[in-house]
C-alpha atoms as a PDB file:
ATOM      1  CA  MET A   1     -19.412 -15.205  13.143  1.00  0.00           C
ATOM      2  CA  ILE A   2     -18.314 -15.782   9.559  1.00  0.00           C
ATOM      3  CA  THR A   3     -19.519 -12.332   8.470  1.00  0.00           C
ATOM      4  CA  ARG A   4     -18.063 -10.781  12.125  1.00  0.00           C
ATOM      5  CA  LEU A   5     -15.005 -12.330  11.177  1.00  0.00           C
ATOM      6  CA  LEU A   6     -14.936 -10.755   7.483  1.00  0.00           C
ATOM      7  CA  SER A   7     -15.636  -7.568   8.403  1.00  0.00           C
ATOM      8  CA  ALA A   8     -13.491  -7.269  11.491  1.00  0.00           C
ATOM      9  CA  ALA A   9     -10.762  -8.704   8.710  1.00  0.00           C
ATOM     10  CA  LEU A  10     -11.454  -6.119   6.486  1.00  0.00           C
ATOM     11  CA  VAL A  11     -11.585  -3.117   8.579  1.00  0.00           C
ATOM     12  CA  ALA A  12      -7.920  -4.396  10.508  1.00  0.00           C
ATOM     13  CA  GLY A  13      -6.748  -4.772   6.880  1.00  0.00           C
ATOM     14  CA  PHE A  14      -7.874  -1.430   5.869  1.00  0.00           C
ATOM     15  CA  LEU A  15      -6.308   0.525   9.062  1.00  0.00           C
ATOM     16  CA  ALA A  16      -2.819  -1.309   8.734  1.00  0.00           C
ATOM     17  CA  SER A  17      -2.526  -0.520   5.229  1.00  0.00           C
ATOM     18  CA  VAL A  18      -2.996   3.233   5.679  1.00  0.00           C
ATOM     19  CA  VAL A  19      -0.581   3.356   8.616  1.00  0.00           C
ATOM     20  CA  ALA A  20       2.159   0.850   6.422  1.00  0.00           C
ATOM     21  CA  THR A  21       1.326   3.019   3.420  1.00  0.00           C
ATOM     22  CA  GLY A  22       2.214   6.370   4.855  1.00  0.00           C
ATOM     23  CA  LEU A  23       5.325   4.727   6.566  1.00  0.00           C
ATOM     24  CA  GLN A  24       6.228   3.256   3.389  1.00  0.00           C
ATOM     25  CA  LEU A  25       6.322   6.308   1.645  1.00  0.00           C
ATOM     26  CA  ALA A  26       7.723   8.552   4.242  1.00  0.00           C
ATOM     27  CA  LEU A  27      10.522   5.944   4.907  1.00  0.00           C
ATOM     28  CA  THR A  28      11.612   3.214   2.417  1.00  0.00           C
ATOM     29  CA  SER A  29      10.221   4.908  -0.806  1.00  0.00           C
ATOM     30  CA  PRO A  30      13.092   7.457  -0.947  1.00  0.00           C
ATOM     31  CA  LEU A  31      15.705   5.000  -0.609  1.00  0.00           C
ATOM     32  CA  ILE A  32      14.223   2.588  -3.070  1.00  0.00           C
ATOM     33  CA  LEU A  33      14.513   5.580  -5.758  1.00  0.00           C
ATOM     34  CA  GLN A  34      17.874   6.397  -4.146  1.00  0.00           C
ATOM     35  CA  ALA A  35      19.492   3.219  -5.281  1.00  0.00           C
ATOM     36  CA  GLU A  36      17.738   3.174  -8.540  1.00  0.00           C
ATOM     37  CA  THR A  37      19.751   5.472  -9.423  1.00  0.00           C
ATOM     38  CA  TYR A  38      22.597   3.442  -8.810  1.00  0.00           C
ATOM     39  CA  GLU A  39      21.107   0.709 -10.274  1.00  0.00           C
ATOM     40  CA  GLY A  40      21.584   2.081 -13.759  1.00  0.00           C
ATOM     41  CA  GLU A  41      25.168   2.537 -13.065  1.00  0.00           C
ATOM     42  CA  GLY A  42      25.470  -1.091 -12.594  1.00  0.00           C
ATOM     43  CA  ALA A  43      26.411  -3.837 -15.100  1.00  0.00           C
ATOM     44  CA  HIS A  44      22.409  -5.264 -15.500  1.00  0.00           C
ATOM     45  CA  ALA A  45      20.952  -1.596 -15.689  1.00  0.00           C
ATOM     46  CA  ALA A  46      18.527  -3.795 -17.678  1.00  0.00           C
ATOM     47  CA  ARG A  47      16.207  -5.413 -14.746  1.00  0.00           C
ATOM     48  CA  VAL A  48      12.983  -3.239 -14.587  1.00  0.00           C
ATOM     49  CA  PRO A  49      12.610  -2.659 -10.765  1.00  0.00           C
ATOM     50  CA  SER A  50       9.523  -3.620  -9.395  1.00  0.00           C
ATOM     51  CA  PHE A  51       7.066  -0.938  -7.794  1.00  0.00           C
ATOM     52  CA  ASP A  52       7.414  -0.278  -3.525  1.00  0.00           C
ATOM     53  CA  ALA A  53       4.529  -3.100  -2.713  1.00  0.00           C
ATOM     54  CA  ALA A  54       5.825  -2.976   1.094  1.00  0.00           C
ATOM     55  CA  PRO A  55       8.821  -4.091   3.278  1.00  0.00           C
ATOM     56  CA  ALA A  56       7.502  -6.914   5.131  1.00  0.00           C
ATOM     57  CA  VAL A  57       4.397  -6.550   4.340  1.00  0.00           C
ATOM     58  CA  GLN A  58       5.076  -7.538   0.349  1.00  0.00           C
ATOM     59  CA  PHE A  59       1.946  -9.160  -0.552  1.00  0.00           C
ATOM     60  CA  ALA A  60       4.580  -8.586  -3.691  1.00  0.00           C
ATOM     61  CA  ALA A  61       4.329 -11.416  -3.801  1.00  0.00           C
ATOM     62  CA  LEU A  62       2.722 -12.929  -0.293  1.00  0.00           C
ATOM     63  CA  ILE A  63       5.741 -15.447  -1.289  1.00  0.00           C
ATOM     64  CA  VAL A  64       8.325 -13.362  -0.513  1.00  0.00           C
ATOM     65  CA  PRO A  65       7.102 -10.690   1.828  1.00  0.00           C
ATOM     66  CA  ALA A  66      10.916  -9.448   2.583  1.00  0.00           C
ATOM     67  CA  HIS A  67      11.514  -8.580  -0.098  1.00  0.00           C
ATOM     68  CA  ALA A  68       9.699  -5.260  -1.705  1.00  0.00           C
ATOM     69  CA  HIS A  69      11.559  -6.039  -5.013  1.00  0.00           C
ATOM     70  CA  ALA A  70      10.953  -9.125  -7.389  1.00  0.00           C
ATOM     71  CA  HIS A  71      14.181 -10.256  -8.650  1.00  0.00           C
ATOM     72  CA  GLY A  72      14.330 -12.226 -12.187  1.00  0.00           C
ATOM     73  CA  GLU A  73      16.607 -15.382 -12.220  1.00  0.00           C
ATOM     74  CA  GLY A  74      20.161 -14.851 -10.388  1.00  0.00           C
ATOM     75  CA  GLY A  75      18.908 -11.367  -9.447  1.00  0.00           C
ATOM     76  CA  HIS A  76      18.130  -9.715 -12.730  1.00  0.00           C
ATOM     77  CA  ASP A  77      15.679  -9.829 -15.025  1.00  0.00           C
ATOM     78  CA  HIS A  78      17.075  -9.566 -18.166  1.00  0.00           C
ATOM     79  CA  GLY A  79      15.320  -9.000 -21.670  1.00  0.00           C
ATOM     80  CA  LYS A  80      12.163  -7.942 -20.260  1.00  0.00           C
ATOM     81  CA  ALA A  81      12.931  -3.989 -20.250  1.00  0.00           C
ATOM     82  CA  ASP A  82       9.436  -3.223 -22.189  1.00  0.00           C
ATOM     83  CA  GLU A  83       7.042  -4.897 -19.491  1.00  0.00           C
ATOM     84  CA  TRP A  84       4.875  -2.700 -17.863  1.00  0.00           C
ATOM     85  CA  GLN A  85       5.579  -1.149 -14.480  1.00  0.00           C
ATOM     86  CA  PRO A  86       4.191   1.740 -12.498  1.00  0.00           C
ATOM     87  CA  ALA A  87       4.840   5.356 -13.567  1.00  0.00           C
ATOM     88  CA  PRO A  88       6.913   7.257 -11.211  1.00  0.00           C
ATOM     89  CA  GLY A  89       4.918   9.665  -9.063  1.00  0.00           C
ATOM     90  CA  LEU A  90       1.391   9.303  -8.036  1.00  0.00           C
ATOM     91  CA  GLN A  91       0.843   6.004  -9.950  1.00  0.00           C
ATOM     92  CA  ARG A  92       3.704   4.330  -7.981  1.00  0.00           C
ATOM     93  CA  MET A  93       2.317   5.443  -4.817  1.00  0.00           C
ATOM     94  CA  ALA A  94      -0.941   4.018  -5.972  1.00  0.00           C
ATOM     95  CA  PHE A  95       0.054   0.497  -6.650  1.00  0.00           C
ATOM     96  CA  THR A  96       1.869   1.054  -3.397  1.00  0.00           C
ATOM     97  CA  GLY A  97      -1.109   1.369  -1.435  1.00  0.00           C
ATOM     98  CA  LEU A  98      -2.949  -1.101  -3.011  1.00  0.00           C
ATOM     99  CA  ALA A  99      -0.449  -3.688  -2.955  1.00  0.00           C
ATOM    100  CA  THR A 100      -0.436  -2.764   0.555  1.00  0.00           C
ATOM    101  CA  LEU A 101      -4.380  -3.161   1.053  1.00  0.00           C
ATOM    102  CA  VAL A 102      -4.385  -6.357  -0.667  1.00  0.00           C
ATOM    103  CA  GLY A 103      -1.650  -7.693   1.965  1.00  0.00           C
ATOM    104  CA  GLY A 104      -3.077  -5.974   4.549  1.00  0.00           C
ATOM    105  CA  VAL A 105      -6.672  -7.995   4.726  1.00  0.00           C
ATOM    106  CA  GLY A 106      -5.029 -11.120   3.433  1.00  0.00           C
ATOM    107  CA  TYR A 107      -3.074 -11.165   7.105  1.00  0.00           C
ATOM    108  CA  ALA A 108      -5.946 -10.209   8.765  1.00  0.00           C
ATOM    109  CA  LEU A 109      -7.654 -13.000   7.364  1.00  0.00           C
ATOM    110  CA  LEU A 110      -4.898 -14.856   8.477  1.00  0.00           C
ATOM    111  CA  LEU A 111      -4.369 -13.265  11.788  1.00  0.00           C
ATOM    112  CA  ALA A 112      -8.499 -14.308  12.016  1.00  0.00           C
ATOM    113  CA  ALA A 113      -8.004 -17.824  10.925  1.00  0.00           C
ATOM    114  CA  VAL A 114      -5.429 -18.421  13.599  1.00  0.00           C
ATOM    115  CA  MET A 115      -7.057 -17.046  16.576  1.00  0.00           C
ATOM    116  CA  LEU A 116     -10.147 -18.586  15.463  1.00  0.00           C
ATOM    117  CA  ALA A 117      -7.995 -22.498  15.590  1.00  0.00           C
ATOM    118  CA  LEU A 118      -6.957 -21.558  18.740  1.00  0.00           C
ATOM    119  CA  ARG A 119     -10.274 -20.710  19.898  1.00  0.00           C
ATOM    120  CA  ARG A 120      -9.082 -17.436  21.565  1.00  0.00           C
ATOM    121  CA  GLU A 121     -11.673 -15.132  21.649  1.00  0.00           C
ATOM    122  CA  PRO A 122     -10.332 -11.891  19.529  1.00  0.00           C
ATOM    123  CA  THR A 123      -9.302  -8.511  21.803  1.00  0.00           C
ATOM    124  CA  PRO A 124      -6.962  -6.157  20.977  1.00  0.00           C
ATOM    125  CA  GLN A 125      -4.526  -7.352  23.597  1.00  0.00           C
ATOM    126  CA  GLY A 126      -4.906 -10.982  21.947  1.00  0.00           C
ATOM    127  CA  GLY A 127      -5.031  -9.635  18.773  1.00  0.00           C
ATOM    128  CA  LEU A 128      -1.467  -8.131  19.224  1.00  0.00           C
ATOM    129  CA  VAL A 129      -0.052 -10.933  20.936  1.00  0.00           C
ATOM    130  CA  VAL A 130      -1.076 -12.899  17.467  1.00  0.00           C
ATOM    131  CA  GLY A 131       0.438  -9.903  15.409  1.00  0.00           C
ATOM    132  CA  ILE A 132       3.696 -10.258  16.636  1.00  0.00           C
ATOM    133  CA  ALA A 133       3.959 -13.526  16.235  1.00  0.00           C
ATOM    134  CA  GLY A 134       3.224 -13.148  12.840  1.00  0.00           C
ATOM    135  CA  PHE A 135       5.552 -10.475  12.522  1.00  0.00           C
ATOM    136  CA  LEU A 136       8.399 -12.727  13.995  1.00  0.00           C
ATOM    137  CA  ALA A 137       7.296 -15.274  11.563  1.00  0.00           C
ATOM    138  CA  VAL A 138       6.075 -13.681   8.564  1.00  0.00           C
ATOM    139  CA  ALA A 139       8.798 -11.290   8.563  1.00  0.00           C
ATOM    140  CA  LEU A 140      11.737 -11.353  11.366  1.00  0.00           C
ATOM    141  CA  ALA A 141      12.768 -15.167  10.802  1.00  0.00           C
ATOM    142  CA  PRO A 142      12.953 -14.778   7.251  1.00  0.00           C
ATOM    143  CA  ALA A 143      14.792 -11.961   7.274  1.00  0.00           C
ATOM    144  CA  ILE A 144      17.750 -13.291   9.227  1.00  0.00           C
ATOM    145  CA  GLY A 145      18.538 -14.964   5.495  1.00  0.00           C
ATOM    146  CA  LEU A 146      16.964 -12.959   3.494  1.00  0.00           C
ATOM    147  CA  PRO A 147      16.924  -9.303   4.338  1.00  0.00           C
ATOM    148  CA  PRO A 148      14.677  -6.925   2.727  1.00  0.00           C
ATOM    149  CA  GLU A 149      16.503  -5.536  -0.670  1.00  0.00           C
ATOM    150  CA  LEU A 150      16.932  -2.701  -2.708  1.00  0.00           C
ATOM    151  CA  PRO A 151      17.117  -2.580  -6.481  1.00  0.00           C
ATOM    152  CA  GLY A 152      20.315  -3.261  -8.119  1.00  0.00           C
ATOM    153  CA  MET A 153      21.205  -5.605  -5.311  1.00  0.00           C
ATOM    154  CA  GLY A 154      21.950  -9.453  -5.823  1.00  0.00           C
ATOM    155  CA  ALA A 155      19.917 -12.379  -5.005  1.00  0.00           C
ATOM    156  CA  ALA A 156      19.630 -15.953  -5.571  1.00  0.00           C
ATOM    157  CA  PRO A 157      17.099 -17.157  -7.934  1.00  0.00           C
ATOM    158  CA  LEU A 158      13.085 -16.323  -6.947  1.00  0.00           C
ATOM    159  CA  VAL A 159      11.785 -19.990  -6.772  1.00  0.00           C
ATOM    160  CA  LEU A 160      14.808 -20.654  -4.363  1.00  0.00           C
ATOM    161  CA  ARG A 161      13.895 -17.843  -2.359  1.00  0.00           C
ATOM    162  CA  GLN A 162      10.483 -18.683  -2.039  1.00  0.00           C
ATOM    163  CA  ALA A 163      10.762 -21.973  -1.063  1.00  0.00           C
ATOM    164  CA  TRP A 164      12.850 -20.948   1.349  1.00  0.00           C
ATOM    165  CA  TRP A 165      10.722 -18.418   2.571  1.00  0.00           C
ATOM    166  CA  LEU A 166       7.588 -20.746   2.982  1.00  0.00           C
ATOM    167  CA  MET A 167       9.343 -22.929   4.867  1.00  0.00           C
ATOM    168  CA  THR A 168      11.049 -20.510   7.085  1.00  0.00           C
ATOM    169  CA  VAL A 169       7.357 -19.404   7.691  1.00  0.00           C
ATOM    170  CA  VAL A 170       6.150 -22.393   8.328  1.00  0.00           C
ATOM    171  CA  ALA A 171       8.681 -23.979  10.389  1.00  0.00           C
ATOM    172  CA  THR A 172       9.032 -20.893  13.173  1.00  0.00           C
ATOM    173  CA  GLY A 173       4.766 -19.948  13.059  1.00  0.00           C
ATOM    174  CA  LEU A 174       4.684 -24.291  14.134  1.00  0.00           C
ATOM    175  CA  GLY A 175       7.475 -23.805  16.619  1.00  0.00           C
ATOM    176  CA  LEU A 176       6.120 -20.911  18.086  1.00  0.00           C
ATOM    177  CA  TYR A 177       2.926 -22.574  18.634  1.00  0.00           C
ATOM    178  CA  LEU A 178       4.475 -25.722  20.208  1.00  0.00           C
ATOM    179  CA  ILE A 179       6.368 -23.062  22.928  1.00  0.00           C
ATOM    180  CA  ALA A 180       3.602 -20.475  23.562  1.00  0.00           C
ATOM    181  CA  VAL A 181       0.831 -22.675  23.250  1.00  0.00           C
ATOM    182  CA  ARG A 182       1.843 -26.468  24.087  1.00  0.00           C
ATOM    183  CA  ARG A 183       4.475 -25.382  26.707  1.00  0.00           C
ATOM    184  CA  VAL A 184       5.687 -28.482  27.754  1.00  0.00           C
ATOM    185  CA  PRO A 185       9.484 -28.861  28.149  1.00  0.00           C
ATOM    186  CA  LEU A 186       9.412 -31.886  24.779  1.00  0.00           C
ATOM    187  CA  THR A 187       7.231 -29.257  22.346  1.00  0.00           C
ATOM    188  CA  ILE A 188       9.519 -26.306  23.458  1.00  0.00           C
ATOM    189  CA  LEU A 189      12.606 -28.222  22.555  1.00  0.00           C
ATOM    190  CA  GLY A 190      10.900 -29.495  19.195  1.00  0.00           C
ATOM    191  CA  GLY A 191       9.830 -25.752  18.304  1.00  0.00           C
ATOM    192  CA  LEU A 192      12.963 -24.210  19.096  1.00  0.00           C
ATOM    193  CA  VAL A 193      14.364 -26.522  16.734  1.00  0.00           C
ATOM    194  CA  LEU A 194      12.029 -25.607  14.018  1.00  0.00           C
ATOM    195  CA  ILE A 195      12.773 -22.281  13.808  1.00  0.00           C
ATOM    196  CA  VAL A 196      16.902 -22.687  14.177  1.00  0.00           C
ATOM    197  CA  ALA A 197      16.222 -25.518  11.070  1.00  0.00           C
ATOM    198  CA  PRO A 198      15.645 -23.343   7.766  1.00  0.00           C
ATOM    199  CA  HIS A 199      18.612 -20.903   8.851  1.00  0.00           C
ATOM    200  CA  LEU A 200      21.120 -24.259   9.322  1.00  0.00           C
ATOM    201  CA  ALA A 201      19.923 -25.194   6.530  1.00  0.00           C
ATOM    202  CA  GLY A 202      20.867 -21.619   5.069  1.00  0.00           C
ATOM    203  CA  ALA A 203      19.072 -19.438   2.804  1.00  0.00           C
ATOM    204  CA  PRO A 204      19.648 -19.621  -0.651  1.00  0.00           C
ATOM    205  CA  GLN A 205      22.641 -17.139  -1.974  1.00  0.00           C
ATOM    206  CA  SER A 206      23.490 -14.856  -4.549  1.00  0.00           C
ATOM    207  CA  ILE A 207      24.816 -16.326  -7.478  1.00  0.00           C
ATOM    208  CA  ASP A 208      25.877 -12.744  -9.335  1.00  0.00           C
ATOM    209  CA  THR A 209      29.316 -11.776  -9.784  1.00  0.00           C
ATOM    210  CA  VAL A 210      28.534  -8.331 -10.065  1.00  0.00           C
ATOM    211  CA  SER A 211      28.729  -6.357  -6.843  1.00  0.00           C
ATOM    212  CA  SER A 212      26.307  -3.948  -5.886  1.00  0.00           C
ATOM    213  CA  GLN A 213      26.475  -0.399  -6.760  1.00  0.00           C
ATOM    214  CA  VAL A 214      24.076   0.317  -3.349  1.00  0.00           C
ATOM    215  CA  PRO A 215      26.334   1.706  -0.398  1.00  0.00           C
ATOM    216  CA  PRO A 216      26.423  -0.665   2.873  1.00  0.00           C
ATOM    217  CA  ALA A 217      24.861   1.830   4.998  1.00  0.00           C
ATOM    218  CA  THR A 218      21.697   2.613   2.435  1.00  0.00           C
ATOM    219  CA  ALA A 219      20.544  -1.062   2.407  1.00  0.00           C
ATOM    220  CA  ALA A 220      21.316  -1.618   5.818  1.00  0.00           C
ATOM    221  CA  GLN A 221      18.766   1.497   6.668  1.00  0.00           C
ATOM    222  CA  PHE A 222      16.578   0.019   4.280  1.00  0.00           C
ATOM    223  CA  ALA A 223      16.399  -3.236   5.766  1.00  0.00           C
ATOM    224  CA  ALA A 224      15.963  -1.832   9.352  1.00  0.00           C
ATOM    225  CA  ARG A 225      12.893   0.468   8.428  1.00  0.00           C
ATOM    226  CA  SER A 226      11.220  -2.505   6.266  1.00  0.00           C
ATOM    227  CA  LEU A 227      11.688  -4.296   9.617  1.00  0.00           C
ATOM    228  CA  ALA A 228      10.225  -1.614  11.867  1.00  0.00           C
ATOM    229  CA  ILE A 229       7.823  -0.731   9.392  1.00  0.00           C
ATOM    230  CA  GLY A 230       6.626  -4.649   9.307  1.00  0.00           C
ATOM    231  CA  PHE A 231       6.553  -4.609  12.733  1.00  0.00           C
ATOM    232  CA  VAL A 232       4.137  -1.387  13.073  1.00  0.00           C
ATOM    233  CA  PHE A 233       2.081  -3.294  10.535  1.00  0.00           C
ATOM    234  CA  TRP A 234       1.038  -6.170  12.229  1.00  0.00           C
ATOM    235  CA  ALA A 235       0.707  -4.624  15.484  1.00  0.00           C
ATOM    236  CA  VAL A 236      -2.012  -2.507  13.741  1.00  0.00           C
ATOM    237  CA  VAL A 237      -3.284  -5.853  12.222  1.00  0.00           C
ATOM    238  CA  GLY A 238      -3.473  -7.466  15.771  1.00  0.00           C
ATOM    239  CA  LEU A 239      -4.727  -4.244  17.654  1.00  0.00           C
ATOM    240  CA  ALA A 240      -7.586  -3.514  15.106  1.00  0.00           C
ATOM    241  CA  TYR A 241      -8.784  -7.069  14.805  1.00  0.00           C
ATOM    242  CA  GLY A 242      -9.419  -7.389  18.364  1.00  0.00           C
ATOM    243  CA  TRP A 243     -10.997  -4.003  18.442  1.00  0.00           C
ATOM    244  CA  ALA A 244     -12.883  -4.419  15.266  1.00  0.00           C
ATOM    245  CA  TRP A 245     -14.392  -7.680  16.973  1.00  0.00           C
ATOM    246  CA  GLY A 246     -15.769  -6.598  19.471  1.00  0.00           C
ATOM    247  CA  LEU A 247     -17.416  -3.493  18.029  1.00  0.00           C
ATOM    248  CA  PHE A 248     -19.405  -5.687  15.273  1.00  0.00           C
ATOM    249  CA  GLY A 249     -20.134  -7.671  18.135  1.00  0.00           C
ATOM    250  CA  ARG A 250     -21.585  -5.009  20.033  1.00  0.00           C
ATOM    251  CA  GLU A 251     -23.525  -3.657  16.796  1.00  0.00           C
ATOM    252  CA  ALA A 252     -25.304  -7.122  16.482  1.00  0.00           C
ATOM    253  CA  GLY A 253     -26.068  -7.112  20.304  1.00  0.00           C
ATOM    254  CA  VAL A 254     -27.690  -4.018  19.597  1.00  0.00           C
ATOM    255  CA  ARG A 255     -29.730  -4.781  16.643  1.00  0.00           C
ATOM    256  CA  ALA A 256     -31.024  -8.305  18.513  1.00  0.00           C
ATOM    257  CA  ASN A 257     -31.835  -6.325  21.505  1.00  0.00           C
ATOM    258  CA  ALA A 258     -34.042  -3.217  19.221  1.00  0.00           C
END
């Protein structure tokens, strides 16, 4: 069973990463490159932008998947201009794809663990439902307080953003479980409280007093496209995992009967 689970997760992660990487390169990477031109015009041009690791899928940090560019303290990373970073072009595309692949397999394993814990037989339909729940918990809920951001945009200290993101993901995941699985009035109320609590506490805000040079319309477009790609990513992970689980199960049955 473990071999079947791992194989299905690898297939799902690979397929989702291929789709997500293609969408990133077509929809969000041009906006990132555009924003980097504005970043050079700001007062903190010394900050080094990281590569595009994936919008809502960003395993860039698995800790802060809602941010394609990990900022340093206060949103800017001073004094590190000599650190290595992927070169524009093919190298950057390769690292984008690699980061998305790692994230895709990791999230597919997480989805598999959730379905196993819920004792649900993986199917494409069931995988899609759990995948959408994953999108809500890991991407959409954190993005309400910490929307996907472009280079040159101010951000709170990384540790604070990581802590708030993790709290939001856990609280939203538990809340969805209480609402959708337990489904009694008390647990539904508790689930709603858990989902709302991180936003009432408030996401950490930027302490940077320098205004961003990035046009608001570009930032909004990037956030919307990132979330859309994140939704497609999670949907593909869920559908592909359910499909691959059934495929490997049929193959095992054929070998057993041979």
